[in-house]
Amino acid sequence: MTVGAIKVHEFIALDGVFEDPSWTFEFGFDPKMGEAIGAITGTCQAILLGRRTFEVFAPAWSTRTAEEDPGAPFFNESPKYVVSGSLKTAEWNNSAILGRYSADTIRDLKDQVDGDIYVSGSGTLVRAMLADGLVDELHMFVYPVARGAGQRLLADSGPATKFTLARSEAYGNGVVHLAYAPVAPDAA
């Protein structure tokens, strides 16, 4: 078994807002974006989510079929792990509750999953994992809009973290995919 990477994927506005990405619909969905997201999830063998994102994803994805969305089998069949201290049940297929956030629990999960782990949304979880050096890839699909208000992915507090640009791609709808890898603290 090999230890995989934690791959975070976010839809985000120019001003950092990622909350309730329904605002992205007005830009359409370039098929090349689907290919990029498919490449991200293609090596993932599990999904890691925070409670709020899980509560949004479960009803949205659990009824989708592959005909409606090619991502449906990945979301519905993959093991899903939820970081939550308050969630009592996780009824969505192959879901388990990990409990409150613990960097050690996430490290153990990385050791147990034979492949990469996908994370989407889950801002509180992502910020904690970034602070603890647990994010291996940060994929931001940046939309050409400033929302002005809403929850931002990278909060005003937390440790400074340097990243290196691994790749980028621009799409016809104005969205830019920026793939980052954190710079190791000793290399910074």
N, C-alpha and C. Protein backbone atom coordinates (compact mmCIF):
# COMPACT_ATOMS: atom_id res chain seq x y z
N MET A 1 0.84 -1.18 0.00
CA MET A 1 0.00 0.00 0.00
C MET A 1 0.88 1.24 0.00
N THR A 2 0.49 2.20 -0.78
CA THR A 2 1.23 3.46 -0.83
C THR A 2 0.39 4.57 -0.19
N VAL A 3 1.08 5.48 0.47
CA VAL A 3 0.38 6.62 1.07
C VAL A 3 0.09 7.62 -0.04
N GLY A 4 -1.15 8.01 -0.15
CA GLY A 4 -1.55 8.93 -1.20
C GLY A 4 -1.50 10.38 -0.77
N ALA A 5 -1.95 11.20 -1.68
CA ALA A 5 -1.98 12.64 -1.47
C ALA A 5 -3.38 13.08 -1.10
N ILE A 6 -3.47 14.16 -0.35
CA ILE A 6 -4.76 14.81 -0.12
C ILE A 6 -4.87 15.92 -1.16
N LYS A 7 -5.90 15.79 -2.01
CA LYS A 7 -6.12 16.73 -3.10
C LYS A 7 -7.37 17.55 -2.82
N VAL A 8 -7.19 18.85 -2.65
CA VAL A 8 -8.30 19.75 -2.37
C VAL A 8 -8.71 20.44 -3.66
N HIS A 9 -10.01 20.48 -3.90
CA HIS A 9 -10.58 21.13 -5.09
C HIS A 9 -11.60 22.16 -4.62
N GLU A 10 -11.46 23.39 -5.11
CA GLU A 10 -12.38 24.46 -4.73
C GLU A 10 -12.78 25.30 -5.94
N PHE A 11 -14.05 25.71 -5.98
CA PHE A 11 -14.51 26.75 -6.88
C PHE A 11 -14.45 28.03 -6.05
N ILE A 12 -13.76 29.06 -6.58
CA ILE A 12 -13.48 30.23 -5.76
C ILE A 12 -13.56 31.50 -6.61
N ALA A 13 -14.01 32.59 -6.00
CA ALA A 13 -14.06 33.88 -6.68
C ALA A 13 -12.71 34.58 -6.54
N LEU A 14 -12.50 35.61 -7.33
CA LEU A 14 -11.25 36.36 -7.28
C LEU A 14 -10.93 36.89 -5.88
N ASP A 15 -11.97 37.21 -5.11
CA ASP A 15 -11.73 37.75 -3.77
C ASP A 15 -11.70 36.66 -2.70
N GLY A 16 -11.59 35.41 -3.12
CA GLY A 16 -11.42 34.31 -2.18
C GLY A 16 -12.70 33.66 -1.68
N VAL A 17 -13.87 34.20 -2.05
CA VAL A 17 -15.13 33.63 -1.59
C VAL A 17 -15.36 32.28 -2.28
N PHE A 18 -15.68 31.28 -1.47
CA PHE A 18 -15.99 29.97 -2.02
C PHE A 18 -17.32 29.44 -1.52
N GLU A 19 -17.94 30.18 -0.62
CA GLU A 19 -19.20 29.79 0.00
C GLU A 19 -20.29 29.62 -1.04
N ASP A 20 -21.11 28.59 -0.89
CA ASP A 20 -22.27 28.33 -1.74
C ASP A 20 -21.97 28.64 -3.21
N PRO A 21 -21.22 27.75 -3.87
CA PRO A 21 -20.77 28.06 -5.24
C PRO A 21 -21.86 28.02 -6.31
N SER A 22 -23.12 28.17 -5.93
CA SER A 22 -24.17 28.23 -6.95
C SER A 22 -23.98 29.43 -7.86
N TRP A 23 -23.25 30.45 -7.40
CA TRP A 23 -22.96 31.63 -8.22
C TRP A 23 -22.10 31.27 -9.43
N THR A 24 -21.48 30.10 -9.43
CA THR A 24 -20.64 29.70 -10.56
C THR A 24 -21.46 29.33 -11.79
N PHE A 25 -22.75 29.01 -11.60
CA PHE A 25 -23.59 28.54 -12.70
C PHE A 25 -23.68 29.54 -13.84
N GLU A 26 -23.65 30.84 -13.52
CA GLU A 26 -23.80 31.85 -14.57
C GLU A 26 -22.63 31.82 -15.57
N PHE A 27 -21.53 31.18 -15.22
CA PHE A 27 -20.37 31.11 -16.11
C PHE A 27 -20.38 29.86 -16.98
N GLY A 28 -21.30 28.97 -16.75
CA GLY A 28 -21.32 27.72 -17.50
C GLY A 28 -20.19 26.80 -17.04
N PHE A 29 -20.17 25.63 -17.61
CA PHE A 29 -19.17 24.65 -17.22
C PHE A 29 -18.44 24.18 -18.47
N ASP A 30 -17.23 24.67 -18.65
CA ASP A 30 -16.42 24.29 -19.80
C ASP A 30 -16.08 22.80 -19.68
N PRO A 31 -16.28 22.02 -20.74
CA PRO A 31 -15.97 20.58 -20.68
C PRO A 31 -14.53 20.28 -20.24
N LYS A 32 -13.61 21.20 -20.53
CA LYS A 32 -12.22 20.98 -20.11
C LYS A 32 -12.09 21.06 -18.59
N MET A 33 -13.00 21.79 -17.94
CA MET A 33 -13.02 21.81 -16.48
C MET A 33 -13.37 20.43 -15.95
N GLY A 34 -14.33 19.80 -16.59
CA GLY A 34 -14.72 18.44 -16.21
C GLY A 34 -13.57 17.47 -16.36
N GLU A 35 -12.80 17.65 -17.43
CA GLU A 35 -11.63 16.79 -17.64
C GLU A 35 -10.60 17.01 -16.53
N ALA A 36 -10.40 18.26 -16.14
CA ALA A 36 -9.43 18.57 -15.08
C ALA A 36 -9.89 17.98 -13.75
N ILE A 37 -11.18 18.13 -13.43
CA ILE A 37 -11.69 17.58 -12.18
C ILE A 37 -11.63 16.05 -12.23
N GLY A 38 -11.91 15.48 -13.38
CA GLY A 38 -11.78 14.02 -13.55
C GLY A 38 -10.36 13.55 -13.32
N ALA A 39 -9.39 14.34 -13.75
CA ALA A 39 -7.98 13.99 -13.52
C ALA A 39 -7.64 14.06 -12.02
N ILE A 40 -8.23 15.03 -11.32
CA ILE A 40 -8.00 15.15 -9.88
C ILE A 40 -8.59 13.95 -9.15
N THR A 41 -9.84 13.64 -9.45
CA THR A 41 -10.51 12.54 -8.75
C THR A 41 -10.07 11.17 -9.25
N GLY A 42 -9.48 11.11 -10.43
CA GLY A 42 -9.13 9.83 -11.04
C GLY A 42 -8.20 8.96 -10.22
N THR A 43 -7.35 9.56 -9.41
CA THR A 43 -6.44 8.78 -8.58
C THR A 43 -6.94 8.64 -7.14
N CYS A 44 -8.09 9.24 -6.86
CA CYS A 44 -8.61 9.24 -5.49
C CYS A 44 -9.42 7.99 -5.20
N GLN A 45 -9.18 7.44 -4.03
CA GLN A 45 -9.88 6.24 -3.59
C GLN A 45 -10.82 6.53 -2.42
N ALA A 46 -10.87 7.79 -1.97
CA ALA A 46 -11.74 8.16 -0.86
C ALA A 46 -12.03 9.65 -0.95
N ILE A 47 -13.08 10.05 -0.23
CA ILE A 47 -13.50 11.45 -0.15
C ILE A 47 -13.49 11.85 1.32
N LEU A 48 -12.95 13.01 1.61
CA LEU A 48 -12.90 13.56 2.96
C LEU A 48 -13.66 14.88 2.95
N LEU A 49 -14.64 15.02 3.85
CA LEU A 49 -15.47 16.21 3.85
C LEU A 49 -15.71 16.70 5.27
N GLY A 50 -15.93 18.00 5.39
CA GLY A 50 -16.42 18.56 6.64
C GLY A 50 -17.92 18.34 6.72
N ARG A 51 -18.49 18.54 7.89
CA ARG A 51 -19.91 18.27 8.11
C ARG A 51 -20.82 19.07 7.18
N ARG A 52 -20.62 20.39 7.09
CA ARG A 52 -21.52 21.21 6.28
C ARG A 52 -21.48 20.78 4.81
N THR A 53 -20.30 20.53 4.28
CA THR A 53 -20.21 20.11 2.88
C THR A 53 -20.85 18.73 2.71
N PHE A 54 -20.62 17.84 3.65
CA PHE A 54 -21.25 16.51 3.59
C PHE A 54 -22.77 16.66 3.55
N GLU A 55 -23.32 17.54 4.39
CA GLU A 55 -24.77 17.71 4.44
C GLU A 55 -25.34 18.32 3.16
N VAL A 56 -24.53 19.02 2.40
CA VAL A 56 -24.95 19.54 1.10
C VAL A 56 -24.75 18.49 0.01
N PHE A 57 -23.60 17.82 0.04
CA PHE A 57 -23.28 16.85 -1.01
C PHE A 57 -24.18 15.60 -0.96
N ALA A 58 -24.46 15.09 0.23
CA ALA A 58 -25.20 13.82 0.33
C ALA A 58 -26.53 13.87 -0.42
N PRO A 59 -27.41 14.84 -0.17
CA PRO A 59 -28.66 14.83 -0.93
C PRO A 59 -28.47 15.21 -2.41
N ALA A 60 -27.47 16.03 -2.70
CA ALA A 60 -27.25 16.46 -4.08
C ALA A 60 -26.69 15.35 -4.95
N TRP A 61 -25.77 14.56 -4.42
CA TRP A 61 -25.11 13.53 -5.22
C TRP A 61 -25.78 12.17 -5.13
N SER A 62 -26.39 11.84 -4.02
CA SER A 62 -26.88 10.47 -3.80
C SER A 62 -27.93 10.02 -4.81
N THR A 63 -28.62 10.95 -5.42
CA THR A 63 -29.65 10.58 -6.40
C THR A 63 -29.18 10.75 -7.84
N ARG A 64 -27.98 11.26 -8.05
CA ARG A 64 -27.48 11.46 -9.41
C ARG A 64 -26.96 10.15 -9.99
N THR A 65 -27.16 10.02 -11.29
CA THR A 65 -26.67 8.85 -12.00
C THR A 65 -25.51 9.25 -12.92
N ALA A 66 -24.79 8.28 -13.42
CA ALA A 66 -23.68 8.54 -14.34
C ALA A 66 -24.18 9.22 -15.61
N GLU A 67 -25.41 8.93 -16.01
CA GLU A 67 -25.98 9.56 -17.21
C GLU A 67 -26.19 11.06 -16.97
N GLU A 68 -26.55 11.43 -15.76
CA GLU A 68 -26.78 12.84 -15.42
C GLU A 68 -25.47 13.58 -15.19
N ASP A 69 -24.49 12.89 -14.62
CA ASP A 69 -23.21 13.51 -14.28
C ASP A 69 -22.15 12.43 -14.21
N PRO A 70 -21.10 12.52 -15.05
CA PRO A 70 -20.08 11.48 -15.04
C PRO A 70 -19.36 11.33 -13.70
N GLY A 71 -19.47 12.33 -12.82
CA GLY A 71 -18.83 12.24 -11.51
C GLY A 71 -19.65 11.47 -10.49
N ALA A 72 -20.90 11.17 -10.80
CA ALA A 72 -21.79 10.52 -9.83
C ALA A 72 -21.24 9.20 -9.28
N PRO A 73 -20.72 8.30 -10.11
CA PRO A 73 -20.19 7.05 -9.53
C PRO A 73 -19.07 7.28 -8.52
N PHE A 74 -18.18 8.22 -8.81
CA PHE A 74 -17.10 8.51 -7.87
C PHE A 74 -17.67 8.96 -6.54
N PHE A 75 -18.59 9.93 -6.57
CA PHE A 75 -19.14 10.47 -5.32
C PHE A 75 -20.00 9.44 -4.59
N ASN A 76 -20.73 8.64 -5.29
CA ASN A 76 -21.65 7.71 -4.63
C ASN A 76 -21.01 6.40 -4.19
N GLU A 77 -19.99 5.95 -4.89
CA GLU A 77 -19.41 4.64 -4.58
C GLU A 77 -18.15 4.71 -3.72
N SER A 78 -17.45 5.82 -3.74
CA SER A 78 -16.21 5.95 -2.97
C SER A 78 -16.50 5.97 -1.47
N PRO A 79 -15.57 5.45 -0.66
CA PRO A 79 -15.70 5.63 0.78
C PRO A 79 -15.62 7.12 1.10
N LYS A 80 -16.49 7.57 1.99
CA LYS A 80 -16.54 8.98 2.38
C LYS A 80 -16.30 9.08 3.88
N TYR A 81 -15.43 10.00 4.26
CA TYR A 81 -15.10 10.22 5.67
C TYR A 81 -15.48 11.64 6.02
N VAL A 82 -16.21 11.80 7.12
CA VAL A 82 -16.73 13.10 7.52
C VAL A 82 -16.07 13.52 8.83
N VAL A 83 -15.48 14.70 8.82
CA VAL A 83 -14.91 15.26 10.04
C VAL A 83 -16.00 16.10 10.70
N SER A 84 -16.46 15.63 11.86
CA SER A 84 -17.52 16.33 12.57
C SER A 84 -17.59 15.85 14.01
N GLY A 85 -17.75 16.81 14.91
CA GLY A 85 -17.97 16.48 16.31
C GLY A 85 -19.44 16.44 16.66
N SER A 86 -20.30 16.84 15.73
CA SER A 86 -21.73 16.91 16.04
C SER A 86 -22.60 15.97 15.20
N LEU A 87 -22.14 15.53 14.06
CA LEU A 87 -22.93 14.66 13.19
C LEU A 87 -23.10 13.29 13.85
N LYS A 88 -24.33 12.81 13.92
CA LYS A 88 -24.61 11.53 14.59
C LYS A 88 -24.71 10.38 13.60
N THR A 89 -25.21 10.65 12.40
CA THR A 89 -25.32 9.60 11.39
C THR A 89 -24.86 10.14 10.05
N ALA A 90 -24.42 9.21 9.21
CA ALA A 90 -23.99 9.56 7.85
C ALA A 90 -24.59 8.50 6.93
N GLU A 91 -25.78 8.78 6.46
CA GLU A 91 -26.56 7.79 5.71
C GLU A 91 -26.13 7.58 4.27
N TRP A 92 -25.37 8.48 3.70
CA TRP A 92 -24.95 8.37 2.31
C TRP A 92 -24.05 7.15 2.16
N ASN A 93 -24.22 6.42 1.09
CA ASN A 93 -23.50 5.18 0.81
C ASN A 93 -22.00 5.27 1.15
N ASN A 94 -21.48 4.30 1.89
CA ASN A 94 -20.05 4.20 2.22
C ASN A 94 -19.52 5.39 3.01
N SER A 95 -20.32 5.93 3.92
CA SER A 95 -19.89 7.09 4.71
C SER A 95 -19.59 6.69 6.14
N ALA A 96 -18.57 7.33 6.71
CA ALA A 96 -18.19 7.11 8.10
C ALA A 96 -17.83 8.44 8.73
N ILE A 97 -18.15 8.59 10.00
CA ILE A 97 -17.85 9.81 10.74
C ILE A 97 -16.53 9.61 11.49
N LEU A 98 -15.59 10.53 11.28
CA LEU A 98 -14.28 10.44 11.95
C LEU A 98 -14.27 11.10 13.32
N GLY A 99 -15.22 11.95 13.61
CA GLY A 99 -15.22 12.72 14.85
C GLY A 99 -14.62 14.09 14.61
N ARG A 100 -14.32 14.78 15.70
CA ARG A 100 -13.74 16.13 15.62
C ARG A 100 -12.42 16.09 14.85
N TYR A 101 -12.05 17.25 14.31
CA TYR A 101 -10.80 17.34 13.57
C TYR A 101 -9.60 16.98 14.44
N SER A 102 -8.76 16.15 13.90
CA SER A 102 -7.49 15.78 14.52
C SER A 102 -6.50 15.53 13.40
N ALA A 103 -5.38 16.24 13.43
CA ALA A 103 -4.36 16.04 12.40
C ALA A 103 -3.89 14.59 12.40
N ASP A 104 -3.78 13.98 13.57
CA ASP A 104 -3.34 12.58 13.65
C ASP A 104 -4.35 11.64 12.99
N THR A 105 -5.64 11.93 13.16
CA THR A 105 -6.67 11.10 12.51
C THR A 105 -6.55 11.21 10.99
N ILE A 106 -6.30 12.41 10.49
CA ILE A 106 -6.16 12.60 9.05
C ILE A 106 -4.90 11.89 8.55
N ARG A 107 -3.81 11.98 9.31
CA ARG A 107 -2.58 11.26 8.93
C ARG A 107 -2.84 9.76 8.89
N ASP A 108 -3.55 9.24 9.89
CA ASP A 108 -3.88 7.81 9.92
C ASP A 108 -4.73 7.42 8.72
N LEU A 109 -5.68 8.29 8.35
CA LEU A 109 -6.53 8.02 7.19
C LEU A 109 -5.68 7.95 5.93
N LYS A 110 -4.74 8.88 5.78
CA LYS A 110 -3.84 8.86 4.62
C LYS A 110 -3.07 7.53 4.56
N ASP A 111 -2.68 7.01 5.71
CA ASP A 111 -1.96 5.74 5.76
C ASP A 111 -2.86 4.56 5.42
N GLN A 112 -4.14 4.66 5.74
CA GLN A 112 -5.08 3.55 5.53
C GLN A 112 -5.62 3.48 4.11
N VAL A 113 -5.77 4.62 3.45
CA VAL A 113 -6.36 4.65 2.10
C VAL A 113 -5.27 4.35 1.08
N ASP A 114 -5.52 3.37 0.23
CA ASP A 114 -4.56 3.01 -0.80
C ASP A 114 -4.84 3.85 -2.05
N GLY A 115 -4.35 5.06 -2.03
CA GLY A 115 -4.58 6.00 -3.12
C GLY A 115 -4.76 7.39 -2.54
N ASP A 116 -5.15 8.31 -3.40
CA ASP A 116 -5.31 9.69 -2.99
C ASP A 116 -6.68 9.92 -2.35
N ILE A 117 -6.80 11.04 -1.66
CA ILE A 117 -8.04 11.42 -0.98
C ILE A 117 -8.47 12.78 -1.52
N TYR A 118 -9.75 12.86 -1.90
CA TYR A 118 -10.33 14.05 -2.51
C TYR A 118 -11.09 14.85 -1.46
N VAL A 119 -10.90 16.17 -1.48
CA VAL A 119 -11.63 17.09 -0.60
C VAL A 119 -12.20 18.21 -1.46
N SER A 120 -13.46 18.57 -1.21
CA SER A 120 -14.08 19.70 -1.90
C SER A 120 -14.84 20.52 -0.87
N GLY A 121 -14.90 21.84 -1.09
CA GLY A 121 -15.58 22.69 -0.12
C GLY A 121 -14.88 22.57 1.22
N SER A 122 -15.66 22.33 2.29
CA SER A 122 -15.10 21.97 3.60
C SER A 122 -14.06 22.97 4.09
N GLY A 123 -14.40 24.26 4.05
CA GLY A 123 -13.45 25.32 4.37
C GLY A 123 -12.78 25.20 5.72
N THR A 124 -13.53 24.91 6.77
CA THR A 124 -12.94 24.78 8.10
C THR A 124 -11.94 23.65 8.13
N LEU A 125 -12.30 22.53 7.53
CA LEU A 125 -11.41 21.37 7.45
C LEU A 125 -10.17 21.70 6.63
N VAL A 126 -10.34 22.32 5.48
CA VAL A 126 -9.21 22.64 4.60
C VAL A 126 -8.25 23.60 5.30
N ARG A 127 -8.78 24.63 5.95
CA ARG A 127 -7.91 25.57 6.66
C ARG A 127 -7.10 24.85 7.74
N ALA A 128 -7.73 23.95 8.47
CA ALA A 128 -7.02 23.20 9.52
C ALA A 128 -5.95 22.30 8.91
N MET A 129 -6.29 21.64 7.81
CA MET A 129 -5.30 20.76 7.16
C MET A 129 -4.14 21.55 6.57
N LEU A 130 -4.43 22.72 6.01
CA LEU A 130 -3.35 23.57 5.51
C LEU A 130 -2.42 23.98 6.65
N ALA A 131 -3.00 24.37 7.78
CA ALA A 131 -2.20 24.78 8.94
C ALA A 131 -1.33 23.64 9.46
N ASP A 132 -1.84 22.41 9.32
CA ASP A 132 -1.10 21.24 9.80
C ASP A 132 -0.24 20.57 8.72
N GLY A 133 -0.16 21.21 7.55
CA GLY A 133 0.68 20.67 6.48
C GLY A 133 0.18 19.37 5.89
N LEU A 134 -1.13 19.17 5.85
CA LEU A 134 -1.69 17.91 5.37
C LEU A 134 -2.20 17.96 3.93
N VAL A 135 -2.26 19.14 3.33
CA VAL A 135 -2.74 19.26 1.95
C VAL A 135 -1.57 19.10 1.01
N ASP A 136 -1.70 18.14 0.09
CA ASP A 136 -0.62 17.88 -0.87
C ASP A 136 -0.83 18.62 -2.19
N GLU A 137 -2.08 18.82 -2.56
CA GLU A 137 -2.41 19.55 -3.79
C GLU A 137 -3.62 20.44 -3.51
N LEU A 138 -3.52 21.70 -3.93
CA LEU A 138 -4.62 22.65 -3.78
C LEU A 138 -5.03 23.10 -5.18
N HIS A 139 -6.20 22.64 -5.61
CA HIS A 139 -6.71 22.96 -6.95
C HIS A 139 -7.81 24.01 -6.81
N MET A 140 -7.52 25.20 -7.29
CA MET A 140 -8.51 26.28 -7.22
C MET A 140 -8.97 26.63 -8.64
N PHE A 141 -10.27 26.57 -8.83
CA PHE A 141 -10.88 26.99 -10.08
C PHE A 141 -11.40 28.40 -9.82
N VAL A 142 -10.63 29.39 -10.29
CA VAL A 142 -10.88 30.79 -9.96
C VAL A 142 -11.80 31.41 -11.02
N TYR A 143 -12.94 31.92 -10.54
CA TYR A 143 -13.95 32.51 -11.42
C TYR A 143 -13.72 34.02 -11.53
N PRO A 144 -14.00 34.59 -12.71
CA PRO A 144 -13.73 36.01 -12.95
C PRO A 144 -14.81 36.92 -12.35
N VAL A 145 -14.93 36.86 -11.04
CA VAL A 145 -15.91 37.67 -10.32
C VAL A 145 -15.41 37.90 -8.91
N ALA A 146 -15.69 39.07 -8.37
CA ALA A 146 -15.45 39.35 -6.96
C ALA A 146 -16.82 39.35 -6.29
N ARG A 147 -17.04 38.47 -5.34
CA ARG A 147 -18.34 38.34 -4.70
C ARG A 147 -18.61 39.46 -3.71
N GLY A 148 -17.58 40.02 -3.11
CA GLY A 148 -17.77 41.12 -2.17
C GLY A 148 -18.09 40.67 -0.77
N ALA A 149 -18.83 39.58 -0.64
CA ALA A 149 -19.19 39.08 0.69
C ALA A 149 -19.30 37.56 0.61
N GLY A 150 -19.09 36.93 1.74
CA GLY A 150 -19.19 35.48 1.82
C GLY A 150 -17.95 34.90 2.47
N GLN A 151 -18.05 33.66 2.84
CA GLN A 151 -16.93 33.00 3.50
C GLN A 151 -15.77 32.81 2.52
N ARG A 152 -14.59 33.16 2.99
CA ARG A 152 -13.38 33.03 2.17
C ARG A 152 -12.64 31.76 2.54
N LEU A 153 -12.04 31.15 1.54
CA LEU A 153 -11.32 29.91 1.79
C LEU A 153 -10.15 30.12 2.73
N LEU A 154 -9.32 31.11 2.43
CA LEU A 154 -8.15 31.36 3.25
C LEU A 154 -8.46 32.52 4.19
N ALA A 155 -8.63 32.19 5.44
CA ALA A 155 -9.05 33.15 6.45
C ALA A 155 -7.93 34.14 6.77
N ASP A 156 -8.28 35.13 7.57
CA ASP A 156 -7.32 36.17 7.97
C ASP A 156 -6.37 35.71 9.06
N SER A 157 -6.55 34.51 9.55
CA SER A 157 -5.67 34.01 10.60
C SER A 157 -5.11 32.66 10.18
N GLY A 158 -4.13 32.22 10.90
CA GLY A 158 -3.49 30.95 10.59
C GLY A 158 -2.06 31.20 10.17
N PRO A 159 -1.31 30.13 10.09
CA PRO A 159 0.10 30.30 9.74
C PRO A 159 0.29 30.67 8.27
N ALA A 160 1.35 31.39 8.00
CA ALA A 160 1.70 31.69 6.61
C ALA A 160 2.12 30.39 5.94
N THR A 161 1.65 30.17 4.74
CA THR A 161 1.97 28.96 4.01
C THR A 161 2.37 29.34 2.60
N LYS A 162 3.51 28.86 2.15
CA LYS A 162 3.95 29.13 0.79
C LYS A 162 3.57 27.97 -0.11
N PHE A 163 3.27 28.31 -1.36
CA PHE A 163 2.89 27.31 -2.35
C PHE A 163 3.74 27.49 -3.59
N THR A 164 3.82 26.44 -4.36
CA THR A 164 4.46 26.52 -5.67
C THR A 164 3.40 26.15 -6.71
N LEU A 165 3.39 26.87 -7.81
CA LEU A 165 2.43 26.59 -8.87
C LEU A 165 2.88 25.34 -9.62
N ALA A 166 2.04 24.32 -9.59
CA ALA A 166 2.36 23.06 -10.27
C ALA A 166 1.91 23.09 -11.73
N ARG A 167 0.75 23.72 -11.96
CA ARG A 167 0.24 23.88 -13.33
C ARG A 167 -0.93 24.84 -13.31
N SER A 168 -1.27 25.32 -14.50
CA SER A 168 -2.41 26.20 -14.63
C SER A 168 -3.04 25.99 -16.01
N GLU A 169 -4.32 26.33 -16.09
CA GLU A 169 -5.04 26.20 -17.35
C GLU A 169 -6.19 27.19 -17.35
N ALA A 170 -6.36 27.89 -18.46
CA ALA A 170 -7.47 28.83 -18.61
C ALA A 170 -8.53 28.21 -19.50
N TYR A 171 -9.79 28.52 -19.19
CA TYR A 171 -10.92 27.96 -19.93
C TYR A 171 -11.69 29.06 -20.65
N GLY A 172 -12.47 28.68 -21.63
CA GLY A 172 -13.22 29.61 -22.44
C GLY A 172 -14.24 30.43 -21.68
N ASN A 173 -14.67 29.97 -20.51
CA ASN A 173 -15.67 30.70 -19.72
C ASN A 173 -15.02 31.69 -18.76
N GLY A 174 -13.70 31.90 -18.87
CA GLY A 174 -13.00 32.86 -18.02
C GLY A 174 -12.45 32.28 -16.74
N VAL A 175 -12.73 31.03 -16.45
CA VAL A 175 -12.23 30.37 -15.24
C VAL A 175 -10.79 29.95 -15.47
N VAL A 176 -9.98 30.05 -14.41
CA VAL A 176 -8.59 29.61 -14.46
C VAL A 176 -8.39 28.54 -13.38
N HIS A 177 -7.81 27.41 -13.77
CA HIS A 177 -7.48 26.35 -12.81
C HIS A 177 -6.03 26.56 -12.39
N LEU A 178 -5.84 26.78 -11.10
CA LEU A 178 -4.50 26.93 -10.53
C LEU A 178 -4.25 25.75 -9.61
N ALA A 179 -3.25 24.96 -9.92
CA ALA A 179 -2.91 23.79 -9.10
C ALA A 179 -1.63 24.10 -8.34
N TYR A 180 -1.73 24.08 -7.02
CA TYR A 180 -0.60 24.43 -6.16
C TYR A 180 -0.20 23.25 -5.30
N ALA A 181 1.07 23.25 -4.94
CA ALA A 181 1.60 22.31 -3.95
C ALA A 181 2.27 23.15 -2.87
N PRO A 182 2.04 22.81 -1.59
CA PRO A 182 2.70 23.56 -0.54
C PRO A 182 4.21 23.38 -0.61
N VAL A 183 4.94 24.42 -0.30
CA VAL A 183 6.40 24.35 -0.23
C VAL A 183 6.75 23.78 1.14
N ALA A 184 7.61 22.79 1.18
CA ALA A 184 8.02 22.21 2.45
C ALA A 184 8.65 23.30 3.33
N PRO A 185 8.32 23.29 4.65
CA PRO A 185 8.81 24.36 5.53
C PRO A 185 10.34 24.54 5.48
N ASP A 186 11.09 23.47 5.33
CA ASP A 186 12.54 23.59 5.29
C ASP A 186 13.03 24.14 3.96
N ALA A 187 12.16 24.13 2.92
CA ALA A 187 12.54 24.67 1.61
C ALA A 187 12.12 26.12 1.45
N ALA A 188 11.30 26.61 2.37
CA ALA A 188 10.77 27.97 2.25
C ALA A 188 11.80 29.03 2.51
